[in-house]
Amino acid sequence: MPDPGALQGVLRALLPRRCPGCDGQLGRSAGLCPECRAALRPRVEAHSPLWPRPEGHLVTLGAYRGVTRRAVRALKFGGARDLAGALGEALADGVPAAWNVASVVAVPLHPGRERERGFNQSALLAGAVTAALGVPSVPALRRTRATAQQARLHAHERTANLAGAFGADARLLPPGPVLLLDDVLTTGSTLAACRDALEAAGAGRVYFAVVAR
């Protein structure tokens, strides 16, 4: 069966290049036009369901709207893999040196869903972040079972949907803090389940990075 991500890539190469962020002419820029790249301003947040203390723990490029929303959807559903570079580099710019991140771990897709999509968008983002930070990206998390899509569930259903859905391999984790990366944070249920699995495997402090909230 043809790789759907590869087919989308071929179509994108044949069609006129448009910026996914604003639909303007992309020219020679990779992923996003200069104006949309400039709109990606990373910031560290201290308030989310993921952390009980008022400390900075989450890097994000902003709310799930405008350029970030259009870019995430183009990457995730439109096969625009080159967007991962621009988004990942912007996220890496916001990671504080004081976090002393030793490794980056992407939220995994279930293997069946990854085969269907052709790639894991969070793993692509992690590759760009690690290239910028100079630390390894490690596949320490795995899906232990398939789950319903979180976006289709109510907030109170999401935690139950993910119970026991992730496992972590302690042998793949370097010593030191981990940066856990995903594309979008809604209720935090997915990241919390992944954090719990990493901590159970002996990970150091877990920080978070998402393109959009």
N, C-alpha and C. Protein backbone atom coordinates (compact mmCIF):
# COMPACT_ATOMS: atom_id res chain seq x y z
N MET A 1 0.85 -1.20 0.00
CA MET A 1 0.00 0.00 0.00
C MET A 1 0.89 1.25 0.00
N PRO A 2 0.61 2.23 -0.85
CA PRO A 2 1.43 3.45 -0.89
C PRO A 2 1.41 4.18 0.45
N ASP A 3 2.54 4.80 0.77
CA ASP A 3 2.66 5.61 1.99
C ASP A 3 1.85 6.89 1.79
N PRO A 4 0.77 7.12 2.61
CA PRO A 4 -0.04 8.32 2.40
C PRO A 4 0.75 9.60 2.61
N GLY A 5 1.69 9.59 3.55
CA GLY A 5 2.51 10.77 3.76
C GLY A 5 3.38 11.08 2.56
N ALA A 6 3.92 10.01 1.92
CA ALA A 6 4.76 10.21 0.74
C ALA A 6 3.95 10.76 -0.43
N LEU A 7 2.71 10.23 -0.59
CA LEU A 7 1.85 10.72 -1.67
C LEU A 7 1.52 12.20 -1.48
N GLN A 8 1.24 12.59 -0.23
CA GLN A 8 0.95 14.00 0.04
C GLN A 8 2.17 14.86 -0.26
N GLY A 9 3.37 14.31 0.05
CA GLY A 9 4.59 15.06 -0.23
C GLY A 9 4.79 15.29 -1.71
N VAL A 10 4.49 14.27 -2.53
CA VAL A 10 4.62 14.41 -3.97
C VAL A 10 3.65 15.47 -4.50
N LEU A 11 2.40 15.42 -4.01
CA LEU A 11 1.41 16.41 -4.45
C LEU A 11 1.84 17.82 -4.08
N ARG A 12 2.38 17.98 -2.86
CA ARG A 12 2.82 19.30 -2.42
C ARG A 12 3.95 19.81 -3.30
N ALA A 13 4.83 18.89 -3.75
CA ALA A 13 5.96 19.30 -4.59
C ALA A 13 5.49 19.75 -5.96
N LEU A 14 4.40 19.16 -6.46
CA LEU A 14 3.90 19.49 -7.78
C LEU A 14 3.06 20.76 -7.80
N LEU A 15 2.39 21.05 -6.69
CA LEU A 15 1.51 22.21 -6.62
C LEU A 15 2.29 23.48 -6.29
N PRO A 16 1.77 24.66 -6.61
CA PRO A 16 2.43 25.91 -6.21
C PRO A 16 2.61 25.97 -4.70
N ARG A 17 3.78 26.41 -4.26
CA ARG A 17 4.08 26.42 -2.83
C ARG A 17 3.39 27.60 -2.16
N ARG A 18 2.52 27.26 -1.18
CA ARG A 18 1.81 28.26 -0.40
C ARG A 18 2.20 28.09 1.06
N CYS A 19 2.22 29.16 1.80
CA CYS A 19 2.52 29.10 3.23
C CYS A 19 1.30 28.58 3.98
N PRO A 20 1.43 27.50 4.76
CA PRO A 20 0.29 26.98 5.51
C PRO A 20 -0.22 27.94 6.57
N GLY A 21 0.63 28.88 6.99
CA GLY A 21 0.23 29.80 8.04
C GLY A 21 -0.66 30.93 7.58
N CYS A 22 -0.45 31.40 6.34
CA CYS A 22 -1.21 32.56 5.85
C CYS A 22 -1.74 32.38 4.44
N ASP A 23 -1.39 31.29 3.77
CA ASP A 23 -1.78 30.98 2.40
C ASP A 23 -1.13 31.91 1.39
N GLY A 24 -0.12 32.65 1.80
CA GLY A 24 0.62 33.49 0.87
C GLY A 24 1.67 32.68 0.13
N GLN A 25 2.34 33.29 -0.84
CA GLN A 25 3.39 32.62 -1.59
C GLN A 25 4.53 32.26 -0.63
N LEU A 26 4.98 31.02 -0.72
CA LEU A 26 6.03 30.56 0.19
C LEU A 26 7.42 30.89 -0.33
N GLY A 27 7.57 30.93 -1.64
CA GLY A 27 8.89 31.21 -2.19
C GLY A 27 9.87 30.12 -1.83
N ARG A 28 11.09 30.52 -1.44
CA ARG A 28 12.13 29.54 -1.13
C ARG A 28 12.18 29.20 0.35
N SER A 29 11.33 29.79 1.16
CA SER A 29 11.35 29.50 2.59
C SER A 29 10.92 28.06 2.83
N ALA A 30 11.48 27.45 3.84
CA ALA A 30 11.13 26.07 4.19
C ALA A 30 10.03 26.09 5.25
N GLY A 31 8.90 25.47 4.92
CA GLY A 31 7.84 25.30 5.90
C GLY A 31 6.90 26.48 6.02
N LEU A 32 7.39 27.62 6.48
CA LEU A 32 6.58 28.81 6.69
C LEU A 32 7.27 30.02 6.08
N CYS A 33 6.48 31.02 5.69
CA CYS A 33 7.05 32.26 5.19
C CYS A 33 7.71 33.02 6.35
N PRO A 34 8.60 33.97 6.05
CA PRO A 34 9.28 34.70 7.13
C PRO A 34 8.33 35.38 8.10
N GLU A 35 7.20 35.91 7.61
CA GLU A 35 6.26 36.60 8.49
C GLU A 35 5.63 35.63 9.49
N CYS A 36 5.24 34.45 9.02
CA CYS A 36 4.63 33.46 9.92
C CYS A 36 5.66 32.88 10.87
N ARG A 37 6.89 32.69 10.40
CA ARG A 37 7.95 32.24 11.31
C ARG A 37 8.14 33.25 12.44
N ALA A 38 8.11 34.52 12.10
CA ALA A 38 8.30 35.56 13.11
C ALA A 38 7.16 35.59 14.13
N ALA A 39 5.98 35.06 13.72
CA ALA A 39 4.84 35.04 14.62
C ALA A 39 4.94 33.92 15.66
N LEU A 40 5.88 32.99 15.49
CA LEU A 40 6.05 31.89 16.45
C LEU A 40 6.95 32.36 17.58
N ARG A 41 6.34 32.76 18.67
CA ARG A 41 7.10 33.31 19.80
C ARG A 41 6.96 32.37 21.00
N PRO A 42 7.99 31.58 21.27
CA PRO A 42 7.91 30.64 22.38
C PRO A 42 7.89 31.33 23.73
N ARG A 43 7.17 30.75 24.66
CA ARG A 43 7.16 31.27 26.02
C ARG A 43 7.04 30.12 27.00
N VAL A 44 7.52 30.36 28.21
CA VAL A 44 7.45 29.37 29.28
C VAL A 44 6.25 29.71 30.15
N GLU A 45 5.42 28.71 30.40
CA GLU A 45 4.22 28.92 31.22
C GLU A 45 4.33 28.12 32.51
N ALA A 46 3.68 28.64 33.53
CA ALA A 46 3.72 28.02 34.85
C ALA A 46 2.38 27.45 35.27
N HIS A 47 1.33 27.72 34.53
CA HIS A 47 -0.01 27.30 34.95
C HIS A 47 -0.58 26.32 33.93
N SER A 48 -0.75 25.07 34.34
CA SER A 48 -1.38 24.05 33.52
C SER A 48 -1.77 22.90 34.43
N PRO A 49 -2.58 21.96 33.95
CA PRO A 49 -2.95 20.81 34.78
C PRO A 49 -1.78 19.86 35.05
N LEU A 50 -0.62 20.11 34.46
CA LEU A 50 0.49 19.16 34.52
C LEU A 50 1.40 19.35 35.72
N TRP A 51 1.28 20.46 36.43
CA TRP A 51 2.29 20.80 37.44
C TRP A 51 1.59 21.48 38.63
N PRO A 52 1.77 20.97 39.83
CA PRO A 52 1.06 21.54 40.97
C PRO A 52 1.69 22.80 41.55
N ARG A 53 2.94 23.09 41.16
CA ARG A 53 3.64 24.23 41.74
C ARG A 53 3.72 25.38 40.74
N PRO A 54 3.78 26.61 41.22
CA PRO A 54 3.82 27.76 40.30
C PRO A 54 5.22 27.99 39.73
N GLU A 55 5.73 27.02 38.99
CA GLU A 55 7.04 27.12 38.36
C GLU A 55 6.88 26.96 36.84
N GLY A 56 7.78 27.57 36.11
CA GLY A 56 7.76 27.37 34.67
C GLY A 56 8.09 25.92 34.33
N HIS A 57 7.25 25.28 33.54
CA HIS A 57 7.46 23.87 33.23
C HIS A 57 7.04 23.53 31.80
N LEU A 58 6.42 24.47 31.11
CA LEU A 58 5.82 24.18 29.80
C LEU A 58 6.24 25.25 28.79
N VAL A 59 6.85 24.81 27.69
CA VAL A 59 7.17 25.71 26.58
C VAL A 59 6.10 25.54 25.53
N THR A 60 5.56 26.63 25.05
CA THR A 60 4.53 26.59 24.02
C THR A 60 4.69 27.77 23.08
N LEU A 61 4.16 27.62 21.87
CA LEU A 61 4.17 28.72 20.92
C LEU A 61 2.88 29.53 20.97
N GLY A 62 1.97 29.17 21.88
CA GLY A 62 0.77 29.97 22.06
C GLY A 62 -0.50 29.16 21.97
N ALA A 63 -1.60 29.87 21.85
CA ALA A 63 -2.92 29.24 21.80
C ALA A 63 -3.12 28.54 20.45
N TYR A 64 -4.03 27.60 20.44
CA TYR A 64 -4.34 26.83 19.23
C TYR A 64 -5.26 27.66 18.34
N ARG A 65 -4.65 28.63 17.70
CA ARG A 65 -5.39 29.50 16.78
C ARG A 65 -4.39 30.17 15.85
N GLY A 66 -4.91 30.79 14.80
CA GLY A 66 -4.06 31.53 13.88
C GLY A 66 -3.00 30.66 13.23
N VAL A 67 -1.79 31.19 13.18
CA VAL A 67 -0.69 30.51 12.49
C VAL A 67 -0.41 29.15 13.11
N THR A 68 -0.40 29.06 14.45
CA THR A 68 -0.06 27.79 15.09
C THR A 68 -1.10 26.72 14.76
N ARG A 69 -2.37 27.08 14.78
CA ARG A 69 -3.40 26.09 14.47
C ARG A 69 -3.28 25.61 13.02
N ARG A 70 -3.11 26.56 12.10
CA ARG A 70 -3.03 26.18 10.70
C ARG A 70 -1.77 25.35 10.44
N ALA A 71 -0.67 25.69 11.09
CA ALA A 71 0.56 24.94 10.90
C ALA A 71 0.45 23.53 11.46
N VAL A 72 -0.13 23.38 12.64
CA VAL A 72 -0.30 22.05 13.23
C VAL A 72 -1.18 21.18 12.34
N ARG A 73 -2.26 21.73 11.85
CA ARG A 73 -3.18 20.95 11.01
C ARG A 73 -2.52 20.57 9.68
N ALA A 74 -1.72 21.47 9.12
CA ALA A 74 -1.02 21.16 7.87
C ALA A 74 0.01 20.06 8.08
N LEU A 75 0.71 20.10 9.22
CA LEU A 75 1.69 19.05 9.54
C LEU A 75 1.00 17.73 9.81
N LYS A 76 -0.04 17.77 10.64
CA LYS A 76 -0.66 16.54 11.14
C LYS A 76 -1.55 15.88 10.11
N PHE A 77 -2.32 16.66 9.37
CA PHE A 77 -3.31 16.10 8.46
C PHE A 77 -3.01 16.36 6.99
N GLY A 78 -2.10 17.31 6.71
CA GLY A 78 -1.80 17.66 5.34
C GLY A 78 -0.49 17.12 4.83
N GLY A 79 0.22 16.38 5.67
CA GLY A 79 1.48 15.80 5.24
C GLY A 79 2.61 16.79 5.03
N ALA A 80 2.50 17.99 5.61
CA ALA A 80 3.54 19.02 5.43
C ALA A 80 4.66 18.80 6.44
N ARG A 81 5.45 17.76 6.19
CA ARG A 81 6.47 17.37 7.17
C ARG A 81 7.55 18.44 7.36
N ASP A 82 7.78 19.25 6.32
CA ASP A 82 8.81 20.27 6.45
C ASP A 82 8.47 21.32 7.52
N LEU A 83 7.20 21.38 7.92
CA LEU A 83 6.82 22.32 8.97
C LEU A 83 7.43 21.95 10.32
N ALA A 84 7.75 20.68 10.52
CA ALA A 84 8.30 20.25 11.80
C ALA A 84 9.59 20.99 12.13
N GLY A 85 10.37 21.31 11.09
CA GLY A 85 11.62 22.02 11.33
C GLY A 85 11.39 23.39 11.91
N ALA A 86 10.52 24.18 11.28
CA ALA A 86 10.26 25.54 11.76
C ALA A 86 9.63 25.54 13.14
N LEU A 87 8.66 24.66 13.36
CA LEU A 87 7.98 24.61 14.66
C LEU A 87 8.92 24.10 15.75
N GLY A 88 9.70 23.07 15.44
CA GLY A 88 10.62 22.53 16.43
C GLY A 88 11.72 23.51 16.80
N GLU A 89 12.25 24.22 15.82
CA GLU A 89 13.29 25.21 16.11
C GLU A 89 12.74 26.32 17.00
N ALA A 90 11.50 26.75 16.73
CA ALA A 90 10.90 27.79 17.56
C ALA A 90 10.71 27.31 18.98
N LEU A 91 10.26 26.07 19.17
CA LEU A 91 10.10 25.53 20.51
C LEU A 91 11.45 25.46 21.23
N ALA A 92 12.48 24.99 20.53
CA ALA A 92 13.80 24.87 21.16
C ALA A 92 14.31 26.22 21.64
N ASP A 93 14.00 27.30 20.91
CA ASP A 93 14.43 28.63 21.32
C ASP A 93 13.85 29.02 22.68
N GLY A 94 12.72 28.42 23.06
CA GLY A 94 12.09 28.78 24.33
C GLY A 94 12.46 27.91 25.50
N VAL A 95 13.26 26.86 25.29
CA VAL A 95 13.62 25.95 26.39
C VAL A 95 14.70 26.61 27.25
N PRO A 96 14.42 26.88 28.52
CA PRO A 96 15.42 27.54 29.37
C PRO A 96 16.65 26.67 29.59
N ALA A 97 17.82 27.28 29.55
CA ALA A 97 19.06 26.54 29.81
C ALA A 97 19.05 25.95 31.21
N ALA A 98 18.36 26.62 32.16
CA ALA A 98 18.32 26.15 33.54
C ALA A 98 17.62 24.80 33.69
N TRP A 99 16.85 24.40 32.69
CA TRP A 99 16.20 23.08 32.78
C TRP A 99 17.21 21.94 32.61
N ASN A 100 18.35 22.21 32.00
CA ASN A 100 19.39 21.20 31.80
C ASN A 100 18.84 19.92 31.16
N VAL A 101 18.06 20.10 30.12
CA VAL A 101 17.44 18.96 29.46
C VAL A 101 18.50 17.99 28.94
N ALA A 102 18.34 16.72 29.29
CA ALA A 102 19.30 15.69 28.87
C ALA A 102 18.80 14.88 27.68
N SER A 103 17.48 14.85 27.47
CA SER A 103 16.92 14.09 26.35
C SER A 103 15.53 14.61 26.03
N VAL A 104 15.10 14.33 24.82
CA VAL A 104 13.75 14.69 24.37
C VAL A 104 13.01 13.40 24.04
N VAL A 105 11.76 13.31 24.53
CA VAL A 105 10.93 12.14 24.28
C VAL A 105 9.63 12.61 23.64
N ALA A 106 9.30 12.05 22.50
CA ALA A 106 8.05 12.40 21.81
C ALA A 106 6.92 11.51 22.28
N VAL A 107 5.72 12.06 22.37
CA VAL A 107 4.54 11.25 22.64
C VAL A 107 4.32 10.31 21.46
N PRO A 108 4.26 9.00 21.71
CA PRO A 108 4.14 8.06 20.59
C PRO A 108 2.70 7.89 20.11
N LEU A 109 2.57 7.58 18.84
CA LEU A 109 1.31 7.11 18.29
C LEU A 109 1.25 5.60 18.40
N HIS A 110 0.04 5.06 18.42
CA HIS A 110 -0.07 3.61 18.32
C HIS A 110 0.48 3.21 16.95
N PRO A 111 1.22 2.08 16.85
CA PRO A 111 1.81 1.68 15.56
C PRO A 111 0.81 1.65 14.41
N GLY A 112 -0.40 1.19 14.68
CA GLY A 112 -1.40 1.14 13.61
C GLY A 112 -1.76 2.52 13.12
N ARG A 113 -1.91 3.47 14.04
CA ARG A 113 -2.25 4.83 13.62
C ARG A 113 -1.08 5.51 12.91
N GLU A 114 0.14 5.19 13.36
CA GLU A 114 1.31 5.77 12.69
C GLU A 114 1.43 5.23 11.27
N ARG A 115 1.16 3.95 11.07
CA ARG A 115 1.19 3.39 9.72
C ARG A 115 0.13 4.05 8.85
N GLU A 116 -1.03 4.30 9.42
CA GLU A 116 -2.12 4.93 8.67
C GLU A 116 -1.75 6.34 8.24
N ARG A 117 -1.13 7.10 9.16
CA ARG A 117 -0.77 8.48 8.85
C ARG A 117 0.51 8.56 8.05
N GLY A 118 1.41 7.63 8.25
CA GLY A 118 2.68 7.62 7.54
C GLY A 118 3.83 8.20 8.35
N PHE A 119 3.54 8.80 9.50
CA PHE A 119 4.57 9.40 10.35
C PHE A 119 3.95 9.78 11.68
N ASN A 120 4.81 10.07 12.65
CA ASN A 120 4.38 10.60 13.94
C ASN A 120 4.82 12.06 14.01
N GLN A 121 3.87 12.97 14.00
CA GLN A 121 4.22 14.39 13.95
C GLN A 121 5.03 14.82 15.17
N SER A 122 4.78 14.22 16.32
CA SER A 122 5.53 14.60 17.52
C SER A 122 6.99 14.14 17.42
N ALA A 123 7.22 12.99 16.78
CA ALA A 123 8.60 12.53 16.59
C ALA A 123 9.35 13.44 15.63
N LEU A 124 8.67 13.93 14.59
CA LEU A 124 9.30 14.88 13.68
C LEU A 124 9.67 16.18 14.41
N LEU A 125 8.76 16.67 15.24
CA LEU A 125 9.05 17.87 16.02
C LEU A 125 10.23 17.63 16.97
N ALA A 126 10.24 16.45 17.60
CA ALA A 126 11.33 16.12 18.53
C ALA A 126 12.67 16.12 17.82
N GLY A 127 12.70 15.64 16.58
CA GLY A 127 13.95 15.64 15.83
C GLY A 127 14.49 17.04 15.62
N ALA A 128 13.59 17.99 15.33
CA ALA A 128 14.03 19.37 15.14
C ALA A 128 14.48 20.00 16.46
N VAL A 129 13.78 19.68 17.54
CA VAL A 129 14.15 20.23 18.85
C VAL A 129 15.51 19.72 19.28
N THR A 130 15.74 18.42 19.12
CA THR A 130 17.02 17.86 19.56
C THR A 130 18.19 18.40 18.72
N ALA A 131 17.94 18.62 17.43
CA ALA A 131 19.00 19.17 16.59
C ALA A 131 19.40 20.56 17.09
N ALA A 132 18.42 21.33 17.54
CA ALA A 132 18.70 22.68 18.03
C ALA A 132 19.33 22.67 19.42
N LEU A 133 18.90 21.74 20.27
CA LEU A 133 19.40 21.71 21.65
C LEU A 133 20.70 20.92 21.80
N GLY A 134 20.97 20.03 20.83
CA GLY A 134 22.18 19.22 20.93
C GLY A 134 22.08 18.10 21.94
N VAL A 135 20.87 17.59 22.14
CA VAL A 135 20.66 16.44 23.04
C VAL A 135 19.94 15.35 22.25
N PRO A 136 19.97 14.10 22.72
CA PRO A 136 19.35 13.03 21.94
C PRO A 136 17.83 12.99 22.06
N SER A 137 17.20 12.53 20.99
CA SER A 137 15.79 12.18 21.02
C SER A 137 15.72 10.67 21.22
N VAL A 138 15.04 10.23 22.26
CA VAL A 138 15.03 8.81 22.58
C VAL A 138 13.60 8.25 22.53
N PRO A 139 13.41 7.08 21.90
CA PRO A 139 12.08 6.47 21.82
C PRO A 139 11.75 5.68 23.08
N ALA A 140 11.78 6.37 24.21
CA ALA A 140 11.62 5.67 25.49
C ALA A 140 10.18 5.33 25.81
N LEU A 141 9.22 5.96 25.13
CA LEU A 141 7.81 5.70 25.38
C LEU A 141 7.24 4.80 24.29
N ARG A 142 6.29 3.98 24.66
CA ARG A 142 5.58 3.15 23.68
C ARG A 142 4.11 3.11 24.07
N ARG A 143 3.27 2.95 23.08
CA ARG A 143 1.84 2.72 23.31
C ARG A 143 1.64 1.24 23.61
N THR A 144 1.03 0.94 24.72
CA THR A 144 0.79 -0.46 25.07
C THR A 144 -0.56 -0.94 24.57
N ARG A 145 -1.41 -0.04 24.16
CA ARG A 145 -2.69 -0.42 23.58
C ARG A 145 -3.24 0.75 22.77
N ALA A 146 -4.11 0.44 21.84
CA ALA A 146 -4.77 1.48 21.06
C ALA A 146 -5.80 2.18 21.92
N THR A 147 -6.02 3.46 21.66
CA THR A 147 -7.00 4.25 22.40
C THR A 147 -7.87 5.02 21.42
N ALA A 148 -9.03 5.44 21.92
CA ALA A 148 -9.88 6.32 21.12
C ALA A 148 -9.18 7.67 20.96
N GLN A 149 -9.47 8.37 19.87
CA GLN A 149 -8.86 9.68 19.68
C GLN A 149 -9.33 10.64 20.76
N GLN A 150 -8.36 11.27 21.41
CA GLN A 150 -8.68 12.17 22.52
C GLN A 150 -9.59 13.32 22.09
N ALA A 151 -9.37 13.82 20.88
CA ALA A 151 -10.14 14.98 20.41
C ALA A 151 -11.64 14.69 20.35
N ARG A 152 -12.01 13.40 20.28
CA ARG A 152 -13.42 13.04 20.16
C ARG A 152 -14.07 12.77 21.51
N LEU A 153 -13.31 12.93 22.60
CA LEU A 153 -13.82 12.60 23.93
C LEU A 153 -14.04 13.85 24.76
N HIS A 154 -14.96 13.75 25.72
CA HIS A 154 -15.14 14.81 26.70
C HIS A 154 -13.97 14.80 27.68
N ALA A 155 -13.77 15.92 28.35
CA ALA A 155 -12.62 16.05 29.24
C ALA A 155 -12.58 14.95 30.29
N HIS A 156 -13.75 14.60 30.86
CA HIS A 156 -13.77 13.60 31.93
C HIS A 156 -13.53 12.19 31.41
N GLU A 157 -13.60 11.99 30.09
CA GLU A 157 -13.37 10.67 29.51
C GLU A 157 -11.90 10.44 29.12
N ARG A 158 -11.15 11.51 29.03
CA ARG A 158 -9.80 11.40 28.47
C ARG A 158 -8.84 10.65 29.38
N THR A 159 -8.90 10.91 30.68
CA THR A 159 -7.99 10.23 31.60
C THR A 159 -8.24 8.73 31.60
N ALA A 160 -9.50 8.33 31.65
CA ALA A 160 -9.84 6.90 31.63
C ALA A 160 -9.41 6.26 30.32
N ASN A 161 -9.53 6.99 29.22
CA ASN A 161 -9.15 6.46 27.92
C ASN A 161 -7.67 6.11 27.86
N LEU A 162 -6.84 6.85 28.62
CA LEU A 162 -5.39 6.68 28.54
C LEU A 162 -4.81 5.84 29.67
N ALA A 163 -5.66 5.36 30.59
CA ALA A 163 -5.17 4.58 31.72
C ALA A 163 -4.42 3.34 31.22
N GLY A 164 -3.15 3.23 31.60
CA GLY A 164 -2.35 2.09 31.20
C GLY A 164 -1.99 2.04 29.74
N ALA A 165 -2.13 3.16 29.03
CA ALA A 165 -1.90 3.15 27.57
C ALA A 165 -0.44 3.36 27.19
N PHE A 166 0.42 3.75 28.14
CA PHE A 166 1.82 4.03 27.83
C PHE A 166 2.73 3.24 28.75
N GLY A 167 3.85 2.83 28.21
CA GLY A 167 4.92 2.24 28.99
C GLY A 167 6.22 2.93 28.62
N ALA A 168 7.22 2.83 29.49
CA ALA A 168 8.51 3.48 29.25
C ALA A 168 9.64 2.49 29.49
N ASP A 169 10.70 2.61 28.71
CA ASP A 169 11.88 1.76 28.81
C ASP A 169 12.99 2.54 29.49
N ALA A 170 13.28 2.16 30.74
CA ALA A 170 14.29 2.87 31.53
C ALA A 170 15.67 2.79 30.89
N ARG A 171 15.93 1.73 30.13
CA ARG A 171 17.27 1.55 29.55
C ARG A 171 17.59 2.61 28.49
N LEU A 172 16.56 3.24 27.94
CA LEU A 172 16.77 4.23 26.87
C LEU A 172 16.89 5.65 27.39
N LEU A 173 16.68 5.85 28.68
CA LEU A 173 16.66 7.20 29.24
C LEU A 173 18.03 7.58 29.79
N PRO A 174 18.68 8.61 29.22
CA PRO A 174 19.91 9.11 29.84
C PRO A 174 19.59 9.75 31.19
N PRO A 175 20.56 9.82 32.09
CA PRO A 175 20.33 10.52 33.35
C PRO A 175 20.04 11.99 33.10
N GLY A 176 19.15 12.55 33.92
CA GLY A 176 18.86 13.97 33.81
C GLY A 176 17.45 14.26 33.38
N PRO A 177 17.07 15.54 33.37
CA PRO A 177 15.70 15.94 33.03
C PRO A 177 15.31 15.58 31.60
N VAL A 178 14.03 15.30 31.44
CA VAL A 178 13.45 14.91 30.15
C VAL A 178 12.54 16.02 29.66
N LEU A 179 12.59 16.31 28.37
CA LEU A 179 11.63 17.22 27.73
C LEU A 179 10.65 16.35 26.96
N LEU A 180 9.40 16.32 27.41
CA LEU A 180 8.35 15.53 26.79
C LEU A 180 7.61 16.40 25.79
N LEU A 181 7.49 15.93 24.55
CA LEU A 181 7.02 16.79 23.47
C LEU A 181 5.78 16.22 22.78
N ASP A 182 4.81 17.11 22.52
CA ASP A 182 3.61 16.77 21.77
C ASP A 182 3.22 17.97 20.92
N ASP A 183 2.23 17.78 20.03
CA ASP A 183 1.85 18.89 19.17
C ASP A 183 0.88 19.85 19.85
N VAL A 184 -0.15 19.31 20.54
CA VAL A 184 -1.19 20.16 21.13
C VAL A 184 -1.51 19.68 22.55
N LEU A 185 -1.69 20.61 23.46
CA LEU A 185 -2.15 20.32 24.81
C LEU A 185 -3.58 20.83 24.96
N THR A 186 -4.48 19.95 25.37
CA THR A 186 -5.87 20.37 25.61
C THR A 186 -6.16 20.28 27.11
N THR A 187 -6.43 19.09 27.59
CA THR A 187 -6.64 18.92 29.05
C THR A 187 -5.37 18.50 29.76
N GLY A 188 -4.36 18.06 29.02
CA GLY A 188 -3.13 17.57 29.63
C GLY A 188 -3.14 16.09 29.94
N SER A 189 -4.20 15.38 29.61
CA SER A 189 -4.32 13.96 29.97
C SER A 189 -3.24 13.11 29.30
N THR A 190 -2.98 13.36 28.03
CA THR A 190 -1.97 12.56 27.33
C THR A 190 -0.59 12.79 27.91
N LEU A 191 -0.22 14.05 28.09
CA LEU A 191 1.11 14.35 28.63
C LEU A 191 1.24 13.83 30.07
N ALA A 192 0.18 13.93 30.85
CA ALA A 192 0.24 13.43 32.23
C ALA A 192 0.45 11.92 32.26
N ALA A 193 -0.23 11.20 31.37
CA ALA A 193 -0.07 9.74 31.32
C ALA A 193 1.35 9.37 30.89
N CYS A 194 1.90 10.11 29.93
CA CYS A 194 3.27 9.85 29.50
C CYS A 194 4.26 10.21 30.61
N ARG A 195 4.05 11.31 31.28
CA ARG A 195 4.92 11.69 32.40
C ARG A 195 4.92 10.61 33.47
N ASP A 196 3.75 10.09 33.81
CA ASP A 196 3.67 9.05 34.84
C ASP A 196 4.45 7.81 34.44
N ALA A 197 4.37 7.44 33.15
CA ALA A 197 5.11 6.28 32.68
C ALA A 197 6.61 6.52 32.74
N LEU A 198 7.05 7.72 32.36
CA LEU A 198 8.47 8.04 32.42
C LEU A 198 8.98 8.05 33.86
N GLU A 199 8.22 8.64 34.75
CA GLU A 199 8.64 8.69 36.15
C GLU A 199 8.67 7.29 36.76
N ALA A 200 7.74 6.43 36.38
CA ALA A 200 7.74 5.06 36.87
C ALA A 200 8.98 4.30 36.40
N ALA A 201 9.52 4.72 35.25
CA ALA A 201 10.72 4.09 34.71
C ALA A 201 12.00 4.71 35.27
N GLY A 202 11.86 5.71 36.15
CA GLY A 202 13.02 6.30 36.78
C GLY A 202 13.53 7.56 36.14
N ALA A 203 12.73 8.19 35.28
CA ALA A 203 13.18 9.43 34.65
C ALA A 203 13.38 10.52 35.69
N GLY A 204 14.28 11.46 35.38
CA GLY A 204 14.44 12.63 36.23
C GLY A 204 13.26 13.56 36.04
N ARG A 205 13.40 14.79 36.41
CA ARG A 205 12.30 15.74 36.27
C ARG A 205 11.83 15.81 34.81
N VAL A 206 10.53 15.84 34.62
CA VAL A 206 9.96 15.88 33.28
C VAL A 206 9.40 17.29 33.02
N TYR A 207 9.90 17.92 31.96
CA TYR A 207 9.36 19.18 31.48
C TYR A 207 8.56 18.91 30.21
N PHE A 208 7.87 19.94 29.71
CA PHE A 208 6.94 19.73 28.60
C PHE A 208 7.13 20.79 27.52
N ALA A 209 6.88 20.38 26.27
CA ALA A 209 6.89 21.33 25.15
C ALA A 209 5.76 20.94 24.21
N VAL A 210 4.94 21.91 23.84
CA VAL A 210 3.87 21.70 22.88
C VAL A 210 3.84 22.89 21.92
N VAL A 211 3.44 22.63 20.70
CA VAL A 211 3.32 23.73 19.75
C VAL A 211 2.21 24.68 20.19
N ALA A 212 1.07 24.12 20.57
CA ALA A 212 -0.08 24.98 20.88
C ALA A 212 -0.87 24.42 22.05
N ARG A 213 -1.56 25.32 22.74
CA ARG A 213 -2.46 24.95 23.84
C ARG A 213 -3.88 25.12 23.38
